[in-house]
Amino acid sequence: MTVAQNIGFPLRMRDVHEAEIEERVAKAAGLVRLHGLEQRYARQLSGGQQQRVALARALVFQPPLLLLDEPLGALDRLLREQMKLELRRVHQELGTTLVYVTHDQDEALVLSDRIAIMQDGRVEQIASPREIYERPVNPFVAGFMGESNFLRGRIVAERAGTASVKVEEYLLDGVPSNGIRADQDVDVFIRPEKIVLAKAAGGKGLAGTVNDQIYSGECIRYVMSVGAARMVVKHTVRQGVFTPAHGDAVSLICDPLDIILFPAGQAISS
């Protein structure tokens, strides 16, 4: 079938009048930016265009809810990035509820109004993308939604909204999760991009050593040793940012509100 025949197929199965089919196919093709390709065959299209045909075919009969089960899994990275933006735009224009199933954390964060994280058939947390990423309710959610650092420490003081935790010889302030109490062992959770690297300064932040640095275009990923622990730090590549070299001693500094304390023993491997 041609692109137009593919898109119009659900309408023909519902015995919609041909004139209305033509009108709705044209609208759906325009919505997914396939205008002018209606008479081509699927084999003549790129992978991204084929995905757009499938999306238009699913949308053309105006369903109140649309289930997408890993729809971008077969595409290369560039096409996935393009299709994520297309799906977001189509959703904003139509207002149709989309239930989007994915193992790709970035897709979930980019596309969703609300995210449900599941483990073994059980919902662990339902919240906005920002809350899921920045305020996970447990270490599983924290680790699943992105790269994570976990350090073992012990609570030494509590105050309104925060607690002080001793990590080896260092003292950090962080936000305790539910059930945390004084003198309790905890896992200290910090996202790699929330950490700022500075020249080594005694008493300020954690002291670490750069073991490796990996350039990935938009950021540099530093692998650090902090005492016996391994940590990862991500810095955006831009002028004026401190860029230590392999073997340098540095300080790792983080805002207390970006540190979450979980009961010890729950953390998964980062």
C-alpha atoms as a PDB file:
ATOM      1  CA  MET A   1       0.000   0.000   0.000  1.00  0.00           C
ATOM      2  CA  THR A   2       0.999   3.613  -0.470  1.00  0.00           C
ATOM      3  CA  VAL A   3       1.502   5.988   2.449  1.00  0.00           C
ATOM      4  CA  ALA A   4      -2.038   7.333   1.954  1.00  0.00           C
ATOM      5  CA  GLN A   5      -3.513   3.826   1.813  1.00  0.00           C
ATOM      6  CA  ASN A   6      -1.603   2.829   4.952  1.00  0.00           C
ATOM      7  CA  ILE A   7      -2.833   5.833   6.895  1.00  0.00           C
ATOM      8  CA  GLY A   8      -6.409   5.452   5.678  1.00  0.00           C
ATOM      9  CA  PHE A   9      -6.638   1.703   6.368  1.00  0.00           C
ATOM     10  CA  PRO A  10      -8.214   2.004   9.889  1.00  0.00           C
ATOM     11  CA  LEU A  11     -10.901   4.303   8.454  1.00  0.00           C
ATOM     12  CA  ARG A  12     -11.769   1.922   5.631  1.00  0.00           C
ATOM     13  CA  MET A  13     -12.130  -0.907   8.149  1.00  0.00           C
ATOM     14  CA  ARG A  14     -14.638   1.328   9.946  1.00  0.00           C
ATOM     15  CA  ASP A  15     -16.585   2.040   6.718  1.00  0.00           C
ATOM     16  CA  VAL A  16     -15.845   5.766   6.807  1.00  0.00           C
ATOM     17  CA  HIS A  17     -16.975   7.640   3.676  1.00  0.00           C
ATOM     18  CA  GLU A  18     -14.186   7.979   1.083  1.00  0.00           C
ATOM     19  CA  ALA A  19     -14.316  11.779   0.995  1.00  0.00           C
ATOM     20  CA  GLU A  20     -13.848  11.944   4.756  1.00  0.00           C
ATOM     21  CA  ILE A  21     -11.012   9.402   4.544  1.00  0.00           C
ATOM     22  CA  GLU A  22      -9.194  11.580   2.038  1.00  0.00           C
ATOM     23  CA  GLU A  23      -9.597  14.656   4.238  1.00  0.00           C
ATOM     24  CA  ARG A  24      -8.466  12.917   7.457  1.00  0.00           C
ATOM     25  CA  VAL A  25      -5.526  11.195   5.745  1.00  0.00           C
ATOM     26  CA  ALA A  26      -4.294  14.540   4.451  1.00  0.00           C
ATOM     27  CA  LYS A  27      -4.593  16.042   7.948  1.00  0.00           C
ATOM     28  CA  ALA A  28      -2.798  13.095   9.598  1.00  0.00           C
ATOM     29  CA  ALA A  29      -0.021  13.126   6.992  1.00  0.00           C
ATOM     30  CA  GLY A  30       0.504  16.833   7.577  1.00  0.00           C
ATOM     31  CA  LEU A  31       0.529  16.326  11.343  1.00  0.00           C
ATOM     32  CA  VAL A  32       3.497  13.942  11.113  1.00  0.00           C
ATOM     33  CA  ARG A  33       5.151  15.929   8.302  1.00  0.00           C
ATOM     34  CA  LEU A  34       4.608  13.440   5.477  1.00  0.00           C
ATOM     35  CA  HIS A  35       2.836  15.884   3.169  1.00  0.00           C
ATOM     36  CA  GLY A  36       3.874  15.231  -0.425  1.00  0.00           C
ATOM     37  CA  LEU A  37       4.828  11.607   0.240  1.00  0.00           C
ATOM     38  CA  GLU A  38       1.302  10.175   0.224  1.00  0.00           C
ATOM     39  CA  GLN A  39       1.742   8.240  -3.046  1.00  0.00           C
ATOM     40  CA  ARG A  40       5.049   6.636  -2.155  1.00  0.00           C
ATOM     41  CA  TYR A  41       5.314   3.061  -0.937  1.00  0.00           C
ATOM     42  CA  ALA A  42       6.671   2.185   2.505  1.00  0.00           C
ATOM     43  CA  ARG A  43       9.794   0.572   1.011  1.00  0.00           C
ATOM     44  CA  GLN A  44      10.656   3.930  -0.561  1.00  0.00           C
ATOM     45  CA  LEU A  45      10.742   5.698   2.816  1.00  0.00           C
ATOM     46  CA  SER A  46      13.440   6.132   5.424  1.00  0.00           C
ATOM     47  CA  GLY A  47      13.134   4.439   8.818  1.00  0.00           C
ATOM     48  CA  GLY A  48      11.967   7.651  10.466  1.00  0.00           C
ATOM     49  CA  GLN A  49       9.352   8.252   7.755  1.00  0.00           C
ATOM     50  CA  GLN A  50       8.061   4.687   8.164  1.00  0.00           C
ATOM     51  CA  GLN A  51       7.646   5.301  11.885  1.00  0.00           C
ATOM     52  CA  ARG A  52       5.703   8.466  11.100  1.00  0.00           C
ATOM     53  CA  VAL A  53       3.376   6.487   8.819  1.00  0.00           C
ATOM     54  CA  ALA A  54       2.685   4.056  11.668  1.00  0.00           C
ATOM     55  CA  LEU A  55       1.987   6.966  14.025  1.00  0.00           C
ATOM     56  CA  ALA A  56      -0.358   8.658  11.537  1.00  0.00           C
ATOM     57  CA  ARG A  57      -2.220   5.353  10.977  1.00  0.00           C
ATOM     58  CA  ALA A  58      -2.715   5.030  14.745  1.00  0.00           C
ATOM     59  CA  LEU A  59      -3.907   8.632  15.107  1.00  0.00           C
ATOM     60  CA  VAL A  60      -6.131   8.974  12.053  1.00  0.00           C
ATOM     61  CA  PHE A  61      -9.263   7.474  13.641  1.00  0.00           C
ATOM     62  CA  GLN A  62      -8.854   9.823  16.643  1.00  0.00           C
ATOM     63  CA  PRO A  63      -8.503   7.358  19.529  1.00  0.00           C
ATOM     64  CA  PRO A  64      -9.019   8.808  23.024  1.00  0.00           C
ATOM     65  CA  LEU A  65      -5.960   6.874  24.220  1.00  0.00           C
ATOM     66  CA  LEU A  66      -2.948   5.532  22.345  1.00  0.00           C
ATOM     67  CA  LEU A  67      -0.555   2.831  23.597  1.00  0.00           C
ATOM     68  CA  LEU A  68       2.999   2.996  22.241  1.00  0.00           C
ATOM     69  CA  ASP A  69       5.180   0.019  23.185  1.00  0.00           C
ATOM     70  CA  GLU A  70       8.848   0.961  22.641  1.00  0.00           C
ATOM     71  CA  PRO A  71       8.021   2.541  19.254  1.00  0.00           C
ATOM     72  CA  LEU A  72      11.517   3.926  18.636  1.00  0.00           C
ATOM     73  CA  GLY A  73      13.525   0.836  19.568  1.00  0.00           C
ATOM     74  CA  ALA A  74      14.454  -0.104  15.992  1.00  0.00           C
ATOM     75  CA  LEU A  75      15.746   3.346  15.006  1.00  0.00           C
ATOM     76  CA  ASP A  76      19.293   4.664  15.138  1.00  0.00           C
ATOM     77  CA  ARG A  77      20.178   7.383  17.627  1.00  0.00           C
ATOM     78  CA  LEU A  78      19.659  10.375  15.315  1.00  0.00           C
ATOM     79  CA  LEU A  79      16.237   9.144  14.182  1.00  0.00           C
ATOM     80  CA  ARG A  80      15.223   8.447  17.785  1.00  0.00           C
ATOM     81  CA  GLU A  81      16.101  12.013  18.753  1.00  0.00           C
ATOM     82  CA  GLN A  82      14.073  13.382  15.824  1.00  0.00           C
ATOM     83  CA  MET A  83      11.078  11.137  16.532  1.00  0.00           C
ATOM     84  CA  LYS A  84      11.038  12.047  20.228  1.00  0.00           C
ATOM     85  CA  LEU A  85      10.550  15.679  19.267  1.00  0.00           C
ATOM     86  CA  GLU A  86       7.906  14.700  16.688  1.00  0.00           C
ATOM     87  CA  LEU A  87       5.954  12.650  19.244  1.00  0.00           C
ATOM     88  CA  ARG A  88       6.126  15.492  21.749  1.00  0.00           C
ATOM     89  CA  ARG A  89       4.861  17.987  19.165  1.00  0.00           C
ATOM     90  CA  VAL A  90       2.032  15.677  17.996  1.00  0.00           C
ATOM     91  CA  HIS A  91       0.932  15.099  21.582  1.00  0.00           C
ATOM     92  CA  GLN A  92       0.872  18.827  22.291  1.00  0.00           C
ATOM     93  CA  GLU A  93      -1.158  19.519  19.139  1.00  0.00           C
ATOM     94  CA  LEU A  94      -3.689  16.704  19.568  1.00  0.00           C
ATOM     95  CA  GLY A  95      -4.018  16.394  23.323  1.00  0.00           C
ATOM     96  CA  THR A  96      -4.571  12.627  22.965  1.00  0.00           C
ATOM     97  CA  THR A  97      -3.468  10.653  26.027  1.00  0.00           C
ATOM     98  CA  LEU A  98      -0.388   8.572  25.198  1.00  0.00           C
ATOM     99  CA  VAL A  99       0.675   5.600  27.314  1.00  0.00           C
ATOM    100  CA  TYR A 100       4.326   5.183  26.372  1.00  0.00           C
ATOM    101  CA  VAL A 101       6.181   2.013  27.404  1.00  0.00           C
ATOM    102  CA  THR A 102       9.982   2.270  27.324  1.00  0.00           C
ATOM    103  CA  HIS A 103      13.198   1.107  28.946  1.00  0.00           C
ATOM    104  CA  ASP A 104      14.924   4.281  27.706  1.00  0.00           C
ATOM    105  CA  GLN A 105      15.107   6.752  30.596  1.00  0.00           C
ATOM    106  CA  ASP A 106      15.789   9.711  28.332  1.00  0.00           C
ATOM    107  CA  GLU A 107      12.663   8.984  26.258  1.00  0.00           C
ATOM    108  CA  ALA A 108      10.583   8.853  29.437  1.00  0.00           C
ATOM    109  CA  LEU A 109      11.967  12.158  30.728  1.00  0.00           C
ATOM    110  CA  VAL A 110      11.610  13.992  27.404  1.00  0.00           C
ATOM    111  CA  LEU A 111       8.118  12.789  26.459  1.00  0.00           C
ATOM    112  CA  SER A 112       6.196  12.389  29.695  1.00  0.00           C
ATOM    113  CA  ASP A 113       3.947  14.564  31.805  1.00  0.00           C
ATOM    114  CA  ARG A 114       3.965  11.791  34.429  1.00  0.00           C
ATOM    115  CA  ILE A 115       6.157   8.707  34.757  1.00  0.00           C
ATOM    116  CA  ALA A 116       5.400   5.406  36.475  1.00  0.00           C
ATOM    117  CA  ILE A 117       8.497   3.385  37.404  1.00  0.00           C
ATOM    118  CA  MET A 118       7.794  -0.358  37.710  1.00  0.00           C
ATOM    119  CA  GLN A 119       9.831  -3.235  39.139  1.00  0.00           C
ATOM    120  CA  ASP A 120       8.650  -6.865  39.035  1.00  0.00           C
ATOM    121  CA  GLY A 121       5.117  -5.768  38.175  1.00  0.00           C
ATOM    122  CA  ARG A 122       4.932  -3.296  41.070  1.00  0.00           C
ATOM    123  CA  VAL A 123       4.762   0.500  40.732  1.00  0.00           C
ATOM    124  CA  GLU A 124       7.615   2.041  42.710  1.00  0.00           C
ATOM    125  CA  GLN A 125       6.840   5.722  42.054  1.00  0.00           C
ATOM    126  CA  ILE A 126       4.496   7.877  39.976  1.00  0.00           C
ATOM    127  CA  ALA A 127       5.468  11.523  39.592  1.00  0.00           C
ATOM    128  CA  SER A 128       6.546  14.240  37.176  1.00  0.00           C
ATOM    129  CA  PRO A 129       9.789  13.651  35.240  1.00  0.00           C
ATOM    130  CA  ARG A 130      11.649  16.199  37.374  1.00  0.00           C
ATOM    131  CA  GLU A 131      10.466  14.715  40.662  1.00  0.00           C
ATOM    132  CA  ILE A 132      11.259  11.168  39.507  1.00  0.00           C
ATOM    133  CA  TYR A 133      14.787  12.183  38.515  1.00  0.00           C
ATOM    134  CA  GLU A 134      15.640  14.595  41.328  1.00  0.00           C
ATOM    135  CA  ARG A 135      13.550  13.170  44.189  1.00  0.00           C
ATOM    136  CA  PRO A 136      13.415   9.372  43.732  1.00  0.00           C
ATOM    137  CA  VAL A 137      11.632   7.546  46.571  1.00  0.00           C
ATOM    138  CA  ASN A 138      14.131   4.688  46.765  1.00  0.00           C
ATOM    139  CA  PRO A 139      17.508   3.574  45.365  1.00  0.00           C
ATOM    140  CA  PHE A 140      15.910   1.440  42.636  1.00  0.00           C
ATOM    141  CA  VAL A 141      14.190   4.483  41.107  1.00  0.00           C
ATOM    142  CA  ALA A 142      17.325   6.573  41.589  1.00  0.00           C
ATOM    143  CA  GLY A 143      19.531   4.039  39.824  1.00  0.00           C
ATOM    144  CA  PHE A 144      17.053   3.183  37.078  1.00  0.00           C
ATOM    145  CA  MET A 145      16.482   6.776  35.998  1.00  0.00           C
ATOM    146  CA  GLY A 146      20.110   7.654  35.395  1.00  0.00           C
ATOM    147  CA  GLU A 147      23.700   7.288  36.480  1.00  0.00           C
ATOM    148  CA  SER A 148      24.060   7.450  40.244  1.00  0.00           C
ATOM    149  CA  ASN A 149      26.671   7.740  42.948  1.00  0.00           C
ATOM    150  CA  PHE A 150      26.117   5.931  46.247  1.00  0.00           C
ATOM    151  CA  LEU A 151      28.359   6.396  49.294  1.00  0.00           C
ATOM    152  CA  ARG A 152      27.957   4.707  52.693  1.00  0.00           C
ATOM    153  CA  GLY A 153      27.691   7.025  55.693  1.00  0.00           C
ATOM    154  CA  ARG A 154      26.127   7.476  59.114  1.00  0.00           C
ATOM    155  CA  ILE A 155      23.704  10.147  60.368  1.00  0.00           C
ATOM    156  CA  VAL A 156      25.279  12.296  63.097  1.00  0.00           C
ATOM    157  CA  ALA A 157      22.756  15.143  63.382  1.00  0.00           C
ATOM    158  CA  GLU A 158      19.230  16.056  62.275  1.00  0.00           C
ATOM    159  CA  ARG A 159      17.580  19.403  61.648  1.00  0.00           C
ATOM    160  CA  ALA A 160      14.468  20.663  59.850  1.00  0.00           C
ATOM    161  CA  GLY A 161      14.500  19.144  56.375  1.00  0.00           C
ATOM    162  CA  THR A 162      18.143  18.023  56.329  1.00  0.00           C
ATOM    163  CA  ALA A 163      20.572  15.782  58.177  1.00  0.00           C
ATOM    164  CA  SER A 164      24.350  15.655  58.574  1.00  0.00           C
ATOM    165  CA  VAL A 165      26.055  12.434  57.574  1.00  0.00           C
ATOM    166  CA  LYS A 166      29.628  11.300  58.173  1.00  0.00           C
ATOM    167  CA  VAL A 167      31.226   9.693  55.082  1.00  0.00           C
ATOM    168  CA  GLU A 168      34.634   8.382  56.097  1.00  0.00           C
ATOM    169  CA  GLU A 169      36.303  11.500  57.565  1.00  0.00           C
ATOM    170  CA  TYR A 170      34.012  13.933  55.717  1.00  0.00           C
ATOM    171  CA  LEU A 171      30.782  15.580  56.855  1.00  0.00           C
ATOM    172  CA  LEU A 172      27.965  16.201  54.337  1.00  0.00           C
ATOM    173  CA  ASP A 173      24.458  17.619  54.626  1.00  0.00           C
ATOM    174  CA  GLY A 174      21.616  16.002  52.690  1.00  0.00           C
ATOM    175  CA  VAL A 175      17.863  15.446  52.495  1.00  0.00           C
ATOM    176  CA  PRO A 176      16.778  12.308  54.415  1.00  0.00           C
ATOM    177  CA  SER A 177      14.160   9.976  52.952  1.00  0.00           C
ATOM    178  CA  ASN A 178      11.266   8.750  55.103  1.00  0.00           C
ATOM    179  CA  GLY A 179      12.221   6.767  58.199  1.00  0.00           C
ATOM    180  CA  ILE A 180      15.779   8.073  58.546  1.00  0.00           C
ATOM    181  CA  ARG A 181      16.855   8.682  62.143  1.00  0.00           C
ATOM    182  CA  ALA A 182      19.988   9.769  64.010  1.00  0.00           C
ATOM    183  CA  ASP A 183      22.845   7.250  64.369  1.00  0.00           C
ATOM    184  CA  GLN A 184      21.535   5.251  61.382  1.00  0.00           C
ATOM    185  CA  ASP A 185      23.714   3.973  58.549  1.00  0.00           C
ATOM    186  CA  VAL A 186      22.620   5.445  55.209  1.00  0.00           C
ATOM    187  CA  ASP A 187      23.411   5.339  51.508  1.00  0.00           C
ATOM    188  CA  VAL A 188      24.220   8.821  50.219  1.00  0.00           C
ATOM    189  CA  PHE A 189      22.844   9.384  46.698  1.00  0.00           C
ATOM    190  CA  ILE A 190      24.217  12.094  44.360  1.00  0.00           C
ATOM    191  CA  ARG A 191      23.690  12.534  40.606  1.00  0.00           C
ATOM    192  CA  PRO A 192      26.989  12.937  38.669  1.00  0.00           C
ATOM    193  CA  GLU A 193      25.975  16.259  37.096  1.00  0.00           C
ATOM    194  CA  LYS A 194      25.104  17.786  40.497  1.00  0.00           C
ATOM    195  CA  ILE A 195      28.743  17.694  41.606  1.00  0.00           C
ATOM    196  CA  VAL A 196      31.150  20.578  40.997  1.00  0.00           C
ATOM    197  CA  LEU A 197      34.868  19.891  40.807  1.00  0.00           C
ATOM    198  CA  ALA A 198      37.287  22.418  42.267  1.00  0.00           C
ATOM    199  CA  LYS A 199      40.978  22.532  43.038  1.00  0.00           C
ATOM    200  CA  ALA A 200      41.743  20.567  46.185  1.00  0.00           C
ATOM    201  CA  ALA A 201      40.938  22.620  49.273  1.00  0.00           C
ATOM    202  CA  GLY A 202      41.152  21.070  52.733  1.00  0.00           C
ATOM    203  CA  GLY A 203      37.829  20.903  54.577  1.00  0.00           C
ATOM    204  CA  LYS A 204      35.651  21.848  51.604  1.00  0.00           C
ATOM    205  CA  GLY A 205      33.598  19.016  50.077  1.00  0.00           C
ATOM    206  CA  LEU A 206      34.891  15.499  49.469  1.00  0.00           C
ATOM    207  CA  ALA A 207      38.506  14.921  48.529  1.00  0.00           C
ATOM    208  CA  GLY A 208      38.980  12.809  45.416  1.00  0.00           C
ATOM    209  CA  THR A 209      41.462  11.804  42.744  1.00  0.00           C
ATOM    210  CA  VAL A 210      40.791  11.735  39.007  1.00  0.00           C
ATOM    211  CA  ASN A 211      41.254   8.176  37.717  1.00  0.00           C
ATOM    212  CA  ASP A 212      39.896   8.713  34.214  1.00  0.00           C
ATOM    213  CA  GLN A 213      38.249  11.374  32.036  1.00  0.00           C
ATOM    214  CA  ILE A 214      36.026  10.555  29.078  1.00  0.00           C
ATOM    215  CA  TYR A 215      35.085  13.200  26.519  1.00  0.00           C
ATOM    216  CA  SER A 216      31.634  12.645  24.980  1.00  0.00           C
ATOM    217  CA  GLY A 217      30.990  15.911  23.133  1.00  0.00           C
ATOM    218  CA  GLU A 218      28.466  17.636  25.344  1.00  0.00           C
ATOM    219  CA  CYS A 219      30.203  16.697  28.606  1.00  0.00           C
ATOM    220  CA  ILE A 220      33.326  15.286  30.199  1.00  0.00           C
ATOM    221  CA  ARG A 221      32.732  12.277  32.430  1.00  0.00           C
ATOM    222  CA  TYR A 222      35.241  12.001  35.274  1.00  0.00           C
ATOM    223  CA  VAL A 223      35.777   8.730  37.129  1.00  0.00           C
ATOM    224  CA  MET A 224      36.964   9.527  40.641  1.00  0.00           C
ATOM    225  CA  SER A 225      38.228   7.669  43.677  1.00  0.00           C
ATOM    226  CA  VAL A 226      36.933   9.125  46.947  1.00  0.00           C
ATOM    227  CA  GLY A 227      38.567   7.126  49.704  1.00  0.00           C
ATOM    228  CA  ALA A 228      37.617   3.518  48.951  1.00  0.00           C
ATOM    229  CA  ALA A 229      34.577   4.574  46.895  1.00  0.00           C
ATOM    230  CA  ARG A 230      34.237   5.162  43.144  1.00  0.00           C
ATOM    231  CA  MET A 231      32.309   8.200  41.950  1.00  0.00           C
ATOM    232  CA  VAL A 232      31.378   9.650  38.573  1.00  0.00           C
ATOM    233  CA  VAL A 233      31.177  13.396  37.870  1.00  0.00           C
ATOM    234  CA  LYS A 234      29.791  14.975  34.679  1.00  0.00           C
ATOM    235  CA  HIS A 235      30.756  18.486  33.621  1.00  0.00           C
ATOM    236  CA  THR A 236      29.323  20.353  30.637  1.00  0.00           C
ATOM    237  CA  VAL A 237      32.032  21.268  28.140  1.00  0.00           C
ATOM    238  CA  ARG A 238      32.365  25.040  28.033  1.00  0.00           C
ATOM    239  CA  GLN A 239      35.022  27.708  28.368  1.00  0.00           C
ATOM    240  CA  GLY A 240      36.125  28.687  31.859  1.00  0.00           C
ATOM    241  CA  VAL A 241      35.162  25.419  33.577  1.00  0.00           C
ATOM    242  CA  PHE A 242      37.810  23.799  35.752  1.00  0.00           C
ATOM    243  CA  THR A 243      39.078  20.708  33.912  1.00  0.00           C
ATOM    244  CA  PRO A 244      41.393  18.560  36.045  1.00  0.00           C
ATOM    245  CA  ALA A 245      43.758  16.027  34.504  1.00  0.00           C
ATOM    246  CA  HIS A 246      44.293  12.348  35.231  1.00  0.00           C
ATOM    247  CA  GLY A 247      45.807  11.906  38.692  1.00  0.00           C
ATOM    248  CA  ASP A 248      44.838  15.378  39.977  1.00  0.00           C
ATOM    249  CA  ALA A 249      43.590  15.756  43.532  1.00  0.00           C
ATOM    250  CA  VAL A 250      40.304  17.704  43.605  1.00  0.00           C
ATOM    251  CA  SER A 251      37.414  18.691  45.845  1.00  0.00           C
ATOM    252  CA  LEU A 252      33.896  17.437  45.015  1.00  0.00           C
ATOM    253  CA  ILE A 253      31.271  19.981  46.075  1.00  0.00           C
ATOM    254  CA  CYS A 254      27.499  19.504  46.045  1.00  0.00           C
ATOM    255  CA  ASP A 255      24.481  21.456  47.301  1.00  0.00           C
ATOM    256  CA  PRO A 256      22.837  19.678  50.277  1.00  0.00           C
ATOM    257  CA  LEU A 257      19.456  19.763  48.503  1.00  0.00           C
ATOM    258  CA  ASP A 258      20.946  17.620  45.704  1.00  0.00           C
ATOM    259  CA  ILE A 259      21.979  14.882  48.160  1.00  0.00           C
ATOM    260  CA  ILE A 260      19.413  12.256  49.226  1.00  0.00           C
ATOM    261  CA  LEU A 261      19.913   9.873  52.139  1.00  0.00           C
ATOM    262  CA  PHE A 262      18.387   6.375  51.950  1.00  0.00           C
ATOM    263  CA  PRO A 263      18.437   3.648  54.631  1.00  0.00           C
ATOM    264  CA  ALA A 264      21.633   1.618  54.205  1.00  0.00           C
ATOM    265  CA  GLY A 265      21.566  -1.598  52.237  1.00  0.00           C
ATOM    266  CA  GLN A 266      18.908  -0.672  49.673  1.00  0.00           C
ATOM    267  CA  ALA A 267      21.217   0.812  47.044  1.00  0.00           C
ATOM    268  CA  ILE A 268      21.717  -0.998  43.763  1.00  0.00           C
ATOM    269  CA  SER A 269      25.047  -0.997  41.961  1.00  0.00           C
ATOM    270  CA  SER A 270      25.543   2.313  40.151  1.00  0.00           C
END
